[in-house]
Amino acid sequence: RVLIADKNKPYSIASVAIIGIASV
């Protein structure tokens, strides 16, 4: 519900991208 809510999608995607980039 939190991850796929329309208002949260940009934040979910950005969070995963930032974590992935930071990990690399």
PDBML (XML) file of the C-alpha atoms, coordinates in Angstrom:
<?xml version="1.0" encoding="UTF-8" ?>
<PDBx:datablock datablockName="MODEL"
   xmlns:PDBx="http://pdbml.pdb.org/schema/pdbx-v50.xsd"
   xmlns:xsi="http://www.w3.org/2001/XMLSchema-instance"
   xsi:schemaLocation="http://pdbml.pdb.org/schema/pdbx-v50.xsd pdbx-v50.xsd">
   <PDBx:atom_siteCategory>
      <PDBx:atom_site id="1">
         <PDBx:B_iso_or_equiv>0.00</PDBx:B_iso_or_equiv>
         <PDBx:Cartn_x>0.000</PDBx:Cartn_x>
         <PDBx:Cartn_y>0.000</PDBx:Cartn_y>
         <PDBx:Cartn_z>0.000</PDBx:Cartn_z>
         <PDBx:auth_asym_id>A</PDBx:auth_asym_id>
         <PDBx:auth_atom_id>CA</PDBx:auth_atom_id>
         <PDBx:auth_comp_id>ARG</PDBx:auth_comp_id>
         <PDBx:auth_seq_id>1</PDBx:auth_seq_id>
         <PDBx:group_PDB>ATOM</PDBx:group_PDB>
         <PDBx:label_alt_id xsi:nil="true" />
         <PDBx:label_asym_id>A</PDBx:label_asym_id>
         <PDBx:label_atom_id>CA</PDBx:label_atom_id>
         <PDBx:label_comp_id>ARG</PDBx:label_comp_id>
         <PDBx:label_entity_id>1</PDBx:label_entity_id>
         <PDBx:label_seq_id>1</PDBx:label_seq_id>
         <PDBx:occupancy>1.00</PDBx:occupancy>
         <PDBx:pdbx_PDB_model_num>1</PDBx:pdbx_PDB_model_num>
         <PDBx:type_symbol>C</PDBx:type_symbol>
      </PDBx:atom_site>
      <PDBx:atom_site id="2">
         <PDBx:B_iso_or_equiv>0.00</PDBx:B_iso_or_equiv>
         <PDBx:Cartn_x>2.820</PDBx:Cartn_x>
         <PDBx:Cartn_y>2.386</PDBx:Cartn_y>
         <PDBx:Cartn_z>0.903</PDBx:Cartn_z>
         <PDBx:auth_asym_id>A</PDBx:auth_asym_id>
         <PDBx:auth_atom_id>CA</PDBx:auth_atom_id>
         <PDBx:auth_comp_id>VAL</PDBx:auth_comp_id>
         <PDBx:auth_seq_id>2</PDBx:auth_seq_id>
         <PDBx:group_PDB>ATOM</PDBx:group_PDB>
         <PDBx:label_alt_id xsi:nil="true" />
         <PDBx:label_asym_id>A</PDBx:label_asym_id>
         <PDBx:label_atom_id>CA</PDBx:label_atom_id>
         <PDBx:label_comp_id>VAL</PDBx:label_comp_id>
         <PDBx:label_entity_id>1</PDBx:label_entity_id>
         <PDBx:label_seq_id>2</PDBx:label_seq_id>
         <PDBx:occupancy>1.00</PDBx:occupancy>
         <PDBx:pdbx_PDB_model_num>1</PDBx:pdbx_PDB_model_num>
         <PDBx:type_symbol>C</PDBx:type_symbol>
      </PDBx:atom_site>
      <PDBx:atom_site id="3">
         <PDBx:B_iso_or_equiv>0.00</PDBx:B_iso_or_equiv>
         <PDBx:Cartn_x>5.175</PDBx:Cartn_x>
         <PDBx:Cartn_y>1.407</PDBx:Cartn_y>
         <PDBx:Cartn_z>-1.913</PDBx:Cartn_z>
         <PDBx:auth_asym_id>A</PDBx:auth_asym_id>
         <PDBx:auth_atom_id>CA</PDBx:auth_atom_id>
         <PDBx:auth_comp_id>LEU</PDBx:auth_comp_id>
         <PDBx:auth_seq_id>3</PDBx:auth_seq_id>
         <PDBx:group_PDB>ATOM</PDBx:group_PDB>
         <PDBx:label_alt_id xsi:nil="true" />
         <PDBx:label_asym_id>A</PDBx:label_asym_id>
         <PDBx:label_atom_id>CA</PDBx:label_atom_id>
         <PDBx:label_comp_id>LEU</PDBx:label_comp_id>
         <PDBx:label_entity_id>1</PDBx:label_entity_id>
         <PDBx:label_seq_id>3</PDBx:label_seq_id>
         <PDBx:occupancy>1.00</PDBx:occupancy>
         <PDBx:pdbx_PDB_model_num>1</PDBx:pdbx_PDB_model_num>
         <PDBx:type_symbol>C</PDBx:type_symbol>
      </PDBx:atom_site>
      <PDBx:atom_site id="4">
         <PDBx:B_iso_or_equiv>0.00</PDBx:B_iso_or_equiv>
         <PDBx:Cartn_x>2.725</PDBx:Cartn_x>
         <PDBx:Cartn_y>1.511</PDBx:Cartn_y>
         <PDBx:Cartn_z>-4.802</PDBx:Cartn_z>
         <PDBx:auth_asym_id>A</PDBx:auth_asym_id>
         <PDBx:auth_atom_id>CA</PDBx:auth_atom_id>
         <PDBx:auth_comp_id>ILE</PDBx:auth_comp_id>
         <PDBx:auth_seq_id>4</PDBx:auth_seq_id>
         <PDBx:group_PDB>ATOM</PDBx:group_PDB>
         <PDBx:label_alt_id xsi:nil="true" />
         <PDBx:label_asym_id>A</PDBx:label_asym_id>
         <PDBx:label_atom_id>CA</PDBx:label_atom_id>
         <PDBx:label_comp_id>ILE</PDBx:label_comp_id>
         <PDBx:label_entity_id>1</PDBx:label_entity_id>
         <PDBx:label_seq_id>4</PDBx:label_seq_id>
         <PDBx:occupancy>1.00</PDBx:occupancy>
         <PDBx:pdbx_PDB_model_num>1</PDBx:pdbx_PDB_model_num>
         <PDBx:type_symbol>C</PDBx:type_symbol>
      </PDBx:atom_site>
      <PDBx:atom_site id="5">
         <PDBx:B_iso_or_equiv>0.00</PDBx:B_iso_or_equiv>
         <PDBx:Cartn_x>0.546</PDBx:Cartn_x>
         <PDBx:Cartn_y>4.446</PDBx:Cartn_y>
         <PDBx:Cartn_z>-3.767</PDBx:Cartn_z>
         <PDBx:auth_asym_id>A</PDBx:auth_asym_id>
         <PDBx:auth_atom_id>CA</PDBx:auth_atom_id>
         <PDBx:auth_comp_id>ALA</PDBx:auth_comp_id>
         <PDBx:auth_seq_id>5</PDBx:auth_seq_id>
         <PDBx:group_PDB>ATOM</PDBx:group_PDB>
         <PDBx:label_alt_id xsi:nil="true" />
         <PDBx:label_asym_id>A</PDBx:label_asym_id>
         <PDBx:label_atom_id>CA</PDBx:label_atom_id>
         <PDBx:label_comp_id>ALA</PDBx:label_comp_id>
         <PDBx:label_entity_id>1</PDBx:label_entity_id>
         <PDBx:label_seq_id>5</PDBx:label_seq_id>
         <PDBx:occupancy>1.00</PDBx:occupancy>
         <PDBx:pdbx_PDB_model_num>1</PDBx:pdbx_PDB_model_num>
         <PDBx:type_symbol>C</PDBx:type_symbol>
      </PDBx:atom_site>
      <PDBx:atom_site id="6">
         <PDBx:B_iso_or_equiv>0.00</PDBx:B_iso_or_equiv>
         <PDBx:Cartn_x>0.641</PDBx:Cartn_x>
         <PDBx:Cartn_y>6.962</PDBx:Cartn_y>
         <PDBx:Cartn_z>-6.624</PDBx:Cartn_z>
         <PDBx:auth_asym_id>A</PDBx:auth_asym_id>
         <PDBx:auth_atom_id>CA</PDBx:auth_atom_id>
         <PDBx:auth_comp_id>ASP</PDBx:auth_comp_id>
         <PDBx:auth_seq_id>6</PDBx:auth_seq_id>
         <PDBx:group_PDB>ATOM</PDBx:group_PDB>
         <PDBx:label_alt_id xsi:nil="true" />
         <PDBx:label_asym_id>A</PDBx:label_asym_id>
         <PDBx:label_atom_id>CA</PDBx:label_atom_id>
         <PDBx:label_comp_id>ASP</PDBx:label_comp_id>
         <PDBx:label_entity_id>1</PDBx:label_entity_id>
         <PDBx:label_seq_id>6</PDBx:label_seq_id>
         <PDBx:occupancy>1.00</PDBx:occupancy>
         <PDBx:pdbx_PDB_model_num>1</PDBx:pdbx_PDB_model_num>
         <PDBx:type_symbol>C</PDBx:type_symbol>
      </PDBx:atom_site>
      <PDBx:atom_site id="7">
         <PDBx:B_iso_or_equiv>0.00</PDBx:B_iso_or_equiv>
         <PDBx:Cartn_x>1.892</PDBx:Cartn_x>
         <PDBx:Cartn_y>9.728</PDBx:Cartn_y>
         <PDBx:Cartn_z>-4.338</PDBx:Cartn_z>
         <PDBx:auth_asym_id>A</PDBx:auth_asym_id>
         <PDBx:auth_atom_id>CA</PDBx:auth_atom_id>
         <PDBx:auth_comp_id>LYS</PDBx:auth_comp_id>
         <PDBx:auth_seq_id>7</PDBx:auth_seq_id>
         <PDBx:group_PDB>ATOM</PDBx:group_PDB>
         <PDBx:label_alt_id xsi:nil="true" />
         <PDBx:label_asym_id>A</PDBx:label_asym_id>
         <PDBx:label_atom_id>CA</PDBx:label_atom_id>
         <PDBx:label_comp_id>LYS</PDBx:label_comp_id>
         <PDBx:label_entity_id>1</PDBx:label_entity_id>
         <PDBx:label_seq_id>7</PDBx:label_seq_id>
         <PDBx:occupancy>1.00</PDBx:occupancy>
         <PDBx:pdbx_PDB_model_num>1</PDBx:pdbx_PDB_model_num>
         <PDBx:type_symbol>C</PDBx:type_symbol>
      </PDBx:atom_site>
      <PDBx:atom_site id="8">
         <PDBx:B_iso_or_equiv>0.00</PDBx:B_iso_or_equiv>
         <PDBx:Cartn_x>4.713</PDBx:Cartn_x>
         <PDBx:Cartn_y>7.496</PDBx:Cartn_y>
         <PDBx:Cartn_z>-3.001</PDBx:Cartn_z>
         <PDBx:auth_asym_id>A</PDBx:auth_asym_id>
         <PDBx:auth_atom_id>CA</PDBx:auth_atom_id>
         <PDBx:auth_comp_id>ASN</PDBx:auth_comp_id>
         <PDBx:auth_seq_id>8</PDBx:auth_seq_id>
         <PDBx:group_PDB>ATOM</PDBx:group_PDB>
         <PDBx:label_alt_id xsi:nil="true" />
         <PDBx:label_asym_id>A</PDBx:label_asym_id>
         <PDBx:label_atom_id>CA</PDBx:label_atom_id>
         <PDBx:label_comp_id>ASN</PDBx:label_comp_id>
         <PDBx:label_entity_id>1</PDBx:label_entity_id>
         <PDBx:label_seq_id>8</PDBx:label_seq_id>
         <PDBx:occupancy>1.00</PDBx:occupancy>
         <PDBx:pdbx_PDB_model_num>1</PDBx:pdbx_PDB_model_num>
         <PDBx:type_symbol>C</PDBx:type_symbol>
      </PDBx:atom_site>
      <PDBx:atom_site id="9">
         <PDBx:B_iso_or_equiv>0.00</PDBx:B_iso_or_equiv>
         <PDBx:Cartn_x>5.999</PDBx:Cartn_x>
         <PDBx:Cartn_y>5.914</PDBx:Cartn_y>
         <PDBx:Cartn_z>-6.235</PDBx:Cartn_z>
         <PDBx:auth_asym_id>A</PDBx:auth_asym_id>
         <PDBx:auth_atom_id>CA</PDBx:auth_atom_id>
         <PDBx:auth_comp_id>LYS</PDBx:auth_comp_id>
         <PDBx:auth_seq_id>9</PDBx:auth_seq_id>
         <PDBx:group_PDB>ATOM</PDBx:group_PDB>
         <PDBx:label_alt_id xsi:nil="true" />
         <PDBx:label_asym_id>A</PDBx:label_asym_id>
         <PDBx:label_atom_id>CA</PDBx:label_atom_id>
         <PDBx:label_comp_id>LYS</PDBx:label_comp_id>
         <PDBx:label_entity_id>1</PDBx:label_entity_id>
         <PDBx:label_seq_id>9</PDBx:label_seq_id>
         <PDBx:occupancy>1.00</PDBx:occupancy>
         <PDBx:pdbx_PDB_model_num>1</PDBx:pdbx_PDB_model_num>
         <PDBx:type_symbol>C</PDBx:type_symbol>
      </PDBx:atom_site>
      <PDBx:atom_site id="10">
         <PDBx:B_iso_or_equiv>0.00</PDBx:B_iso_or_equiv>
         <PDBx:Cartn_x>8.575</PDBx:Cartn_x>
         <PDBx:Cartn_y>8.648</PDBx:Cartn_y>
         <PDBx:Cartn_z>-6.965</PDBx:Cartn_z>
         <PDBx:auth_asym_id>A</PDBx:auth_asym_id>
         <PDBx:auth_atom_id>CA</PDBx:auth_atom_id>
         <PDBx:auth_comp_id>PRO</PDBx:auth_comp_id>
         <PDBx:auth_seq_id>10</PDBx:auth_seq_id>
         <PDBx:group_PDB>ATOM</PDBx:group_PDB>
         <PDBx:label_alt_id xsi:nil="true" />
         <PDBx:label_asym_id>A</PDBx:label_asym_id>
         <PDBx:label_atom_id>CA</PDBx:label_atom_id>
         <PDBx:label_comp_id>PRO</PDBx:label_comp_id>
         <PDBx:label_entity_id>1</PDBx:label_entity_id>
         <PDBx:label_seq_id>10</PDBx:label_seq_id>
         <PDBx:occupancy>1.00</PDBx:occupancy>
         <PDBx:pdbx_PDB_model_num>1</PDBx:pdbx_PDB_model_num>
         <PDBx:type_symbol>C</PDBx:type_symbol>
      </PDBx:atom_site>
      <PDBx:atom_site id="11">
         <PDBx:B_iso_or_equiv>0.00</PDBx:B_iso_or_equiv>
         <PDBx:Cartn_x>9.907</PDBx:Cartn_x>
         <PDBx:Cartn_y>8.398</PDBx:Cartn_y>
         <PDBx:Cartn_z>-3.397</PDBx:Cartn_z>
         <PDBx:auth_asym_id>A</PDBx:auth_asym_id>
         <PDBx:auth_atom_id>CA</PDBx:auth_atom_id>
         <PDBx:auth_comp_id>TYR</PDBx:auth_comp_id>
         <PDBx:auth_seq_id>11</PDBx:auth_seq_id>
         <PDBx:group_PDB>ATOM</PDBx:group_PDB>
         <PDBx:label_alt_id xsi:nil="true" />
         <PDBx:label_asym_id>A</PDBx:label_asym_id>
         <PDBx:label_atom_id>CA</PDBx:label_atom_id>
         <PDBx:label_comp_id>TYR</PDBx:label_comp_id>
         <PDBx:label_entity_id>1</PDBx:label_entity_id>
         <PDBx:label_seq_id>11</PDBx:label_seq_id>
         <PDBx:occupancy>1.00</PDBx:occupancy>
         <PDBx:pdbx_PDB_model_num>1</PDBx:pdbx_PDB_model_num>
         <PDBx:type_symbol>C</PDBx:type_symbol>
      </PDBx:atom_site>
      <PDBx:atom_site id="12">
         <PDBx:B_iso_or_equiv>0.00</PDBx:B_iso_or_equiv>
         <PDBx:Cartn_x>10.026</PDBx:Cartn_x>
         <PDBx:Cartn_y>4.592</PDBx:Cartn_y>
         <PDBx:Cartn_z>-3.506</PDBx:Cartn_z>
         <PDBx:auth_asym_id>A</PDBx:auth_asym_id>
         <PDBx:auth_atom_id>CA</PDBx:auth_atom_id>
         <PDBx:auth_comp_id>SER</PDBx:auth_comp_id>
         <PDBx:auth_seq_id>12</PDBx:auth_seq_id>
         <PDBx:group_PDB>ATOM</PDBx:group_PDB>
         <PDBx:label_alt_id xsi:nil="true" />
         <PDBx:label_asym_id>A</PDBx:label_asym_id>
         <PDBx:label_atom_id>CA</PDBx:label_atom_id>
         <PDBx:label_comp_id>SER</PDBx:label_comp_id>
         <PDBx:label_entity_id>1</PDBx:label_entity_id>
         <PDBx:label_seq_id>12</PDBx:label_seq_id>
         <PDBx:occupancy>1.00</PDBx:occupancy>
         <PDBx:pdbx_PDB_model_num>1</PDBx:pdbx_PDB_model_num>
         <PDBx:type_symbol>C</PDBx:type_symbol>
      </PDBx:atom_site>
      <PDBx:atom_site id="13">
         <PDBx:B_iso_or_equiv>0.00</PDBx:B_iso_or_equiv>
         <PDBx:Cartn_x>11.903</PDBx:Cartn_x>
         <PDBx:Cartn_y>4.599</PDBx:Cartn_y>
         <PDBx:Cartn_z>-6.793</PDBx:Cartn_z>
         <PDBx:auth_asym_id>A</PDBx:auth_asym_id>
         <PDBx:auth_atom_id>CA</PDBx:auth_atom_id>
         <PDBx:auth_comp_id>ILE</PDBx:auth_comp_id>
         <PDBx:auth_seq_id>13</PDBx:auth_seq_id>
         <PDBx:group_PDB>ATOM</PDBx:group_PDB>
         <PDBx:label_alt_id xsi:nil="true" />
         <PDBx:label_asym_id>A</PDBx:label_asym_id>
         <PDBx:label_atom_id>CA</PDBx:label_atom_id>
         <PDBx:label_comp_id>ILE</PDBx:label_comp_id>
         <PDBx:label_entity_id>1</PDBx:label_entity_id>
         <PDBx:label_seq_id>13</PDBx:label_seq_id>
         <PDBx:occupancy>1.00</PDBx:occupancy>
         <PDBx:pdbx_PDB_model_num>1</PDBx:pdbx_PDB_model_num>
         <PDBx:type_symbol>C</PDBx:type_symbol>
      </PDBx:atom_site>
      <PDBx:atom_site id="14">
         <PDBx:B_iso_or_equiv>0.00</PDBx:B_iso_or_equiv>
         <PDBx:Cartn_x>14.259</PDBx:Cartn_x>
         <PDBx:Cartn_y>7.385</PDBx:Cartn_y>
         <PDBx:Cartn_z>-5.701</PDBx:Cartn_z>
         <PDBx:auth_asym_id>A</PDBx:auth_asym_id>
         <PDBx:auth_atom_id>CA</PDBx:auth_atom_id>
         <PDBx:auth_comp_id>ALA</PDBx:auth_comp_id>
         <PDBx:auth_seq_id>14</PDBx:auth_seq_id>
         <PDBx:group_PDB>ATOM</PDBx:group_PDB>
         <PDBx:label_alt_id xsi:nil="true" />
         <PDBx:label_asym_id>A</PDBx:label_asym_id>
         <PDBx:label_atom_id>CA</PDBx:label_atom_id>
         <PDBx:label_comp_id>ALA</PDBx:label_comp_id>
         <PDBx:label_entity_id>1</PDBx:label_entity_id>
         <PDBx:label_seq_id>14</PDBx:label_seq_id>
         <PDBx:occupancy>1.00</PDBx:occupancy>
         <PDBx:pdbx_PDB_model_num>1</PDBx:pdbx_PDB_model_num>
         <PDBx:type_symbol>C</PDBx:type_symbol>
      </PDBx:atom_site>
      <PDBx:atom_site id="15">
         <PDBx:B_iso_or_equiv>0.00</PDBx:B_iso_or_equiv>
         <PDBx:Cartn_x>14.985</PDBx:Cartn_x>
         <PDBx:Cartn_y>5.658</PDBx:Cartn_y>
         <PDBx:Cartn_z>-2.371</PDBx:Cartn_z>
         <PDBx:auth_asym_id>A</PDBx:auth_asym_id>
         <PDBx:auth_atom_id>CA</PDBx:auth_atom_id>
         <PDBx:auth_comp_id>SER</PDBx:auth_comp_id>
         <PDBx:auth_seq_id>15</PDBx:auth_seq_id>
         <PDBx:group_PDB>ATOM</PDBx:group_PDB>
         <PDBx:label_alt_id xsi:nil="true" />
         <PDBx:label_asym_id>A</PDBx:label_asym_id>
         <PDBx:label_atom_id>CA</PDBx:label_atom_id>
         <PDBx:label_comp_id>SER</PDBx:label_comp_id>
         <PDBx:label_entity_id>1</PDBx:label_entity_id>
         <PDBx:label_seq_id>15</PDBx:label_seq_id>
         <PDBx:occupancy>1.00</PDBx:occupancy>
         <PDBx:pdbx_PDB_model_num>1</PDBx:pdbx_PDB_model_num>
         <PDBx:type_symbol>C</PDBx:type_symbol>
      </PDBx:atom_site>
      <PDBx:atom_site id="16">
         <PDBx:B_iso_or_equiv>0.00</PDBx:B_iso_or_equiv>
         <PDBx:Cartn_x>15.890</PDBx:Cartn_x>
         <PDBx:Cartn_y>2.380</PDBx:Cartn_y>
         <PDBx:Cartn_z>-4.041</PDBx:Cartn_z>
         <PDBx:auth_asym_id>A</PDBx:auth_asym_id>
         <PDBx:auth_atom_id>CA</PDBx:auth_atom_id>
         <PDBx:auth_comp_id>VAL</PDBx:auth_comp_id>
         <PDBx:auth_seq_id>16</PDBx:auth_seq_id>
         <PDBx:group_PDB>ATOM</PDBx:group_PDB>
         <PDBx:label_alt_id xsi:nil="true" />
         <PDBx:label_asym_id>A</PDBx:label_asym_id>
         <PDBx:label_atom_id>CA</PDBx:label_atom_id>
         <PDBx:label_comp_id>VAL</PDBx:label_comp_id>
         <PDBx:label_entity_id>1</PDBx:label_entity_id>
         <PDBx:label_seq_id>16</PDBx:label_seq_id>
         <PDBx:occupancy>1.00</PDBx:occupancy>
         <PDBx:pdbx_PDB_model_num>1</PDBx:pdbx_PDB_model_num>
         <PDBx:type_symbol>C</PDBx:type_symbol>
      </PDBx:atom_site>
      <PDBx:atom_site id="17">
         <PDBx:B_iso_or_equiv>0.00</PDBx:B_iso_or_equiv>
         <PDBx:Cartn_x>18.012</PDBx:Cartn_x>
         <PDBx:Cartn_y>4.181</PDBx:Cartn_y>
         <PDBx:Cartn_z>-6.648</PDBx:Cartn_z>
         <PDBx:auth_asym_id>A</PDBx:auth_asym_id>
         <PDBx:auth_atom_id>CA</PDBx:auth_atom_id>
         <PDBx:auth_comp_id>ALA</PDBx:auth_comp_id>
         <PDBx:auth_seq_id>17</PDBx:auth_seq_id>
         <PDBx:group_PDB>ATOM</PDBx:group_PDB>
         <PDBx:label_alt_id xsi:nil="true" />
         <PDBx:label_asym_id>A</PDBx:label_asym_id>
         <PDBx:label_atom_id>CA</PDBx:label_atom_id>
         <PDBx:label_comp_id>ALA</PDBx:label_comp_id>
         <PDBx:label_entity_id>1</PDBx:label_entity_id>
         <PDBx:label_seq_id>17</PDBx:label_seq_id>
         <PDBx:occupancy>1.00</PDBx:occupancy>
         <PDBx:pdbx_PDB_model_num>1</PDBx:pdbx_PDB_model_num>
         <PDBx:type_symbol>C</PDBx:type_symbol>
      </PDBx:atom_site>
      <PDBx:atom_site id="18">
         <PDBx:B_iso_or_equiv>0.00</PDBx:B_iso_or_equiv>
         <PDBx:Cartn_x>19.873</PDBx:Cartn_x>
         <PDBx:Cartn_y>6.176</PDBx:Cartn_y>
         <PDBx:Cartn_z>-3.979</PDBx:Cartn_z>
         <PDBx:auth_asym_id>A</PDBx:auth_asym_id>
         <PDBx:auth_atom_id>CA</PDBx:auth_atom_id>
         <PDBx:auth_comp_id>ILE</PDBx:auth_comp_id>
         <PDBx:auth_seq_id>18</PDBx:auth_seq_id>
         <PDBx:group_PDB>ATOM</PDBx:group_PDB>
         <PDBx:label_alt_id xsi:nil="true" />
         <PDBx:label_asym_id>A</PDBx:label_asym_id>
         <PDBx:label_atom_id>CA</PDBx:label_atom_id>
         <PDBx:label_comp_id>ILE</PDBx:label_comp_id>
         <PDBx:label_entity_id>1</PDBx:label_entity_id>
         <PDBx:label_seq_id>18</PDBx:label_seq_id>
         <PDBx:occupancy>1.00</PDBx:occupancy>
         <PDBx:pdbx_PDB_model_num>1</PDBx:pdbx_PDB_model_num>
         <PDBx:type_symbol>C</PDBx:type_symbol>
      </PDBx:atom_site>
      <PDBx:atom_site id="19">
         <PDBx:B_iso_or_equiv>0.00</PDBx:B_iso_or_equiv>
         <PDBx:Cartn_x>20.491</PDBx:Cartn_x>
         <PDBx:Cartn_y>3.081</PDBx:Cartn_y>
         <PDBx:Cartn_z>-1.866</PDBx:Cartn_z>
         <PDBx:auth_asym_id>A</PDBx:auth_asym_id>
         <PDBx:auth_atom_id>CA</PDBx:auth_atom_id>
         <PDBx:auth_comp_id>ILE</PDBx:auth_comp_id>
         <PDBx:auth_seq_id>19</PDBx:auth_seq_id>
         <PDBx:group_PDB>ATOM</PDBx:group_PDB>
         <PDBx:label_alt_id xsi:nil="true" />
         <PDBx:label_asym_id>A</PDBx:label_asym_id>
         <PDBx:label_atom_id>CA</PDBx:label_atom_id>
         <PDBx:label_comp_id>ILE</PDBx:label_comp_id>
         <PDBx:label_entity_id>1</PDBx:label_entity_id>
         <PDBx:label_seq_id>19</PDBx:label_seq_id>
         <PDBx:occupancy>1.00</PDBx:occupancy>
         <PDBx:pdbx_PDB_model_num>1</PDBx:pdbx_PDB_model_num>
         <PDBx:type_symbol>C</PDBx:type_symbol>
      </PDBx:atom_site>
      <PDBx:atom_site id="20">
         <PDBx:B_iso_or_equiv>0.00</PDBx:B_iso_or_equiv>
         <PDBx:Cartn_x>21.674</PDBx:Cartn_x>
         <PDBx:Cartn_y>1.152</PDBx:Cartn_y>
         <PDBx:Cartn_z>-4.929</PDBx:Cartn_z>
         <PDBx:auth_asym_id>A</PDBx:auth_asym_id>
         <PDBx:auth_atom_id>CA</PDBx:auth_atom_id>
         <PDBx:auth_comp_id>GLY</PDBx:auth_comp_id>
         <PDBx:auth_seq_id>20</PDBx:auth_seq_id>
         <PDBx:group_PDB>ATOM</PDBx:group_PDB>
         <PDBx:label_alt_id xsi:nil="true" />
         <PDBx:label_asym_id>A</PDBx:label_asym_id>
         <PDBx:label_atom_id>CA</PDBx:label_atom_id>
         <PDBx:label_comp_id>GLY</PDBx:label_comp_id>
         <PDBx:label_entity_id>1</PDBx:label_entity_id>
         <PDBx:label_seq_id>20</PDBx:label_seq_id>
         <PDBx:occupancy>1.00</PDBx:occupancy>
         <PDBx:pdbx_PDB_model_num>1</PDBx:pdbx_PDB_model_num>
         <PDBx:type_symbol>C</PDBx:type_symbol>
      </PDBx:atom_site>
      <PDBx:atom_site id="21">
         <PDBx:B_iso_or_equiv>0.00</PDBx:B_iso_or_equiv>
         <PDBx:Cartn_x>24.025</PDBx:Cartn_x>
         <PDBx:Cartn_y>3.936</PDBx:Cartn_y>
         <PDBx:Cartn_z>-6.039</PDBx:Cartn_z>
         <PDBx:auth_asym_id>A</PDBx:auth_asym_id>
         <PDBx:auth_atom_id>CA</PDBx:auth_atom_id>
         <PDBx:auth_comp_id>ILE</PDBx:auth_comp_id>
         <PDBx:auth_seq_id>21</PDBx:auth_seq_id>
         <PDBx:group_PDB>ATOM</PDBx:group_PDB>
         <PDBx:label_alt_id xsi:nil="true" />
         <PDBx:label_asym_id>A</PDBx:label_asym_id>
         <PDBx:label_atom_id>CA</PDBx:label_atom_id>
         <PDBx:label_comp_id>ILE</PDBx:label_comp_id>
         <PDBx:label_entity_id>1</PDBx:label_entity_id>
         <PDBx:label_seq_id>21</PDBx:label_seq_id>
         <PDBx:occupancy>1.00</PDBx:occupancy>
         <PDBx:pdbx_PDB_model_num>1</PDBx:pdbx_PDB_model_num>
         <PDBx:type_symbol>C</PDBx:type_symbol>
      </PDBx:atom_site>
      <PDBx:atom_site id="22">
         <PDBx:B_iso_or_equiv>0.00</PDBx:B_iso_or_equiv>
         <PDBx:Cartn_x>25.356</PDBx:Cartn_x>
         <PDBx:Cartn_y>4.404</PDBx:Cartn_y>
         <PDBx:Cartn_z>-2.505</PDBx:Cartn_z>
         <PDBx:auth_asym_id>A</PDBx:auth_asym_id>
         <PDBx:auth_atom_id>CA</PDBx:auth_atom_id>
         <PDBx:auth_comp_id>ALA</PDBx:auth_comp_id>
         <PDBx:auth_seq_id>22</PDBx:auth_seq_id>
         <PDBx:group_PDB>ATOM</PDBx:group_PDB>
         <PDBx:label_alt_id xsi:nil="true" />
         <PDBx:label_asym_id>A</PDBx:label_asym_id>
         <PDBx:label_atom_id>CA</PDBx:label_atom_id>
         <PDBx:label_comp_id>ALA</PDBx:label_comp_id>
         <PDBx:label_entity_id>1</PDBx:label_entity_id>
         <PDBx:label_seq_id>22</PDBx:label_seq_id>
         <PDBx:occupancy>1.00</PDBx:occupancy>
         <PDBx:pdbx_PDB_model_num>1</PDBx:pdbx_PDB_model_num>
         <PDBx:type_symbol>C</PDBx:type_symbol>
      </PDBx:atom_site>
      <PDBx:atom_site id="23">
         <PDBx:B_iso_or_equiv>0.00</PDBx:B_iso_or_equiv>
         <PDBx:Cartn_x>25.978</PDBx:Cartn_x>
         <PDBx:Cartn_y>0.653</PDBx:Cartn_y>
         <PDBx:Cartn_z>-2.281</PDBx:Cartn_z>
         <PDBx:auth_asym_id>A</PDBx:auth_asym_id>
         <PDBx:auth_atom_id>CA</PDBx:auth_atom_id>
         <PDBx:auth_comp_id>SER</PDBx:auth_comp_id>
         <PDBx:auth_seq_id>23</PDBx:auth_seq_id>
         <PDBx:group_PDB>ATOM</PDBx:group_PDB>
         <PDBx:label_alt_id xsi:nil="true" />
         <PDBx:label_asym_id>A</PDBx:label_asym_id>
         <PDBx:label_atom_id>CA</PDBx:label_atom_id>
         <PDBx:label_comp_id>SER</PDBx:label_comp_id>
         <PDBx:label_entity_id>1</PDBx:label_entity_id>
         <PDBx:label_seq_id>23</PDBx:label_seq_id>
         <PDBx:occupancy>1.00</PDBx:occupancy>
         <PDBx:pdbx_PDB_model_num>1</PDBx:pdbx_PDB_model_num>
         <PDBx:type_symbol>C</PDBx:type_symbol>
      </PDBx:atom_site>
      <PDBx:atom_site id="24">
         <PDBx:B_iso_or_equiv>0.00</PDBx:B_iso_or_equiv>
         <PDBx:Cartn_x>27.941</PDBx:Cartn_x>
         <PDBx:Cartn_y>0.665</PDBx:Cartn_y>
         <PDBx:Cartn_z>-5.540</PDBx:Cartn_z>
         <PDBx:auth_asym_id>A</PDBx:auth_asym_id>
         <PDBx:auth_atom_id>CA</PDBx:auth_atom_id>
         <PDBx:auth_comp_id>VAL</PDBx:auth_comp_id>
         <PDBx:auth_seq_id>24</PDBx:auth_seq_id>
         <PDBx:group_PDB>ATOM</PDBx:group_PDB>
         <PDBx:label_alt_id xsi:nil="true" />
         <PDBx:label_asym_id>A</PDBx:label_asym_id>
         <PDBx:label_atom_id>CA</PDBx:label_atom_id>
         <PDBx:label_comp_id>VAL</PDBx:label_comp_id>
         <PDBx:label_entity_id>1</PDBx:label_entity_id>
         <PDBx:label_seq_id>24</PDBx:label_seq_id>
         <PDBx:occupancy>1.00</PDBx:occupancy>
         <PDBx:pdbx_PDB_model_num>1</PDBx:pdbx_PDB_model_num>
         <PDBx:type_symbol>C</PDBx:type_symbol>
      </PDBx:atom_site>
   </PDBx:atom_siteCategory>
</PDBx:datablock>
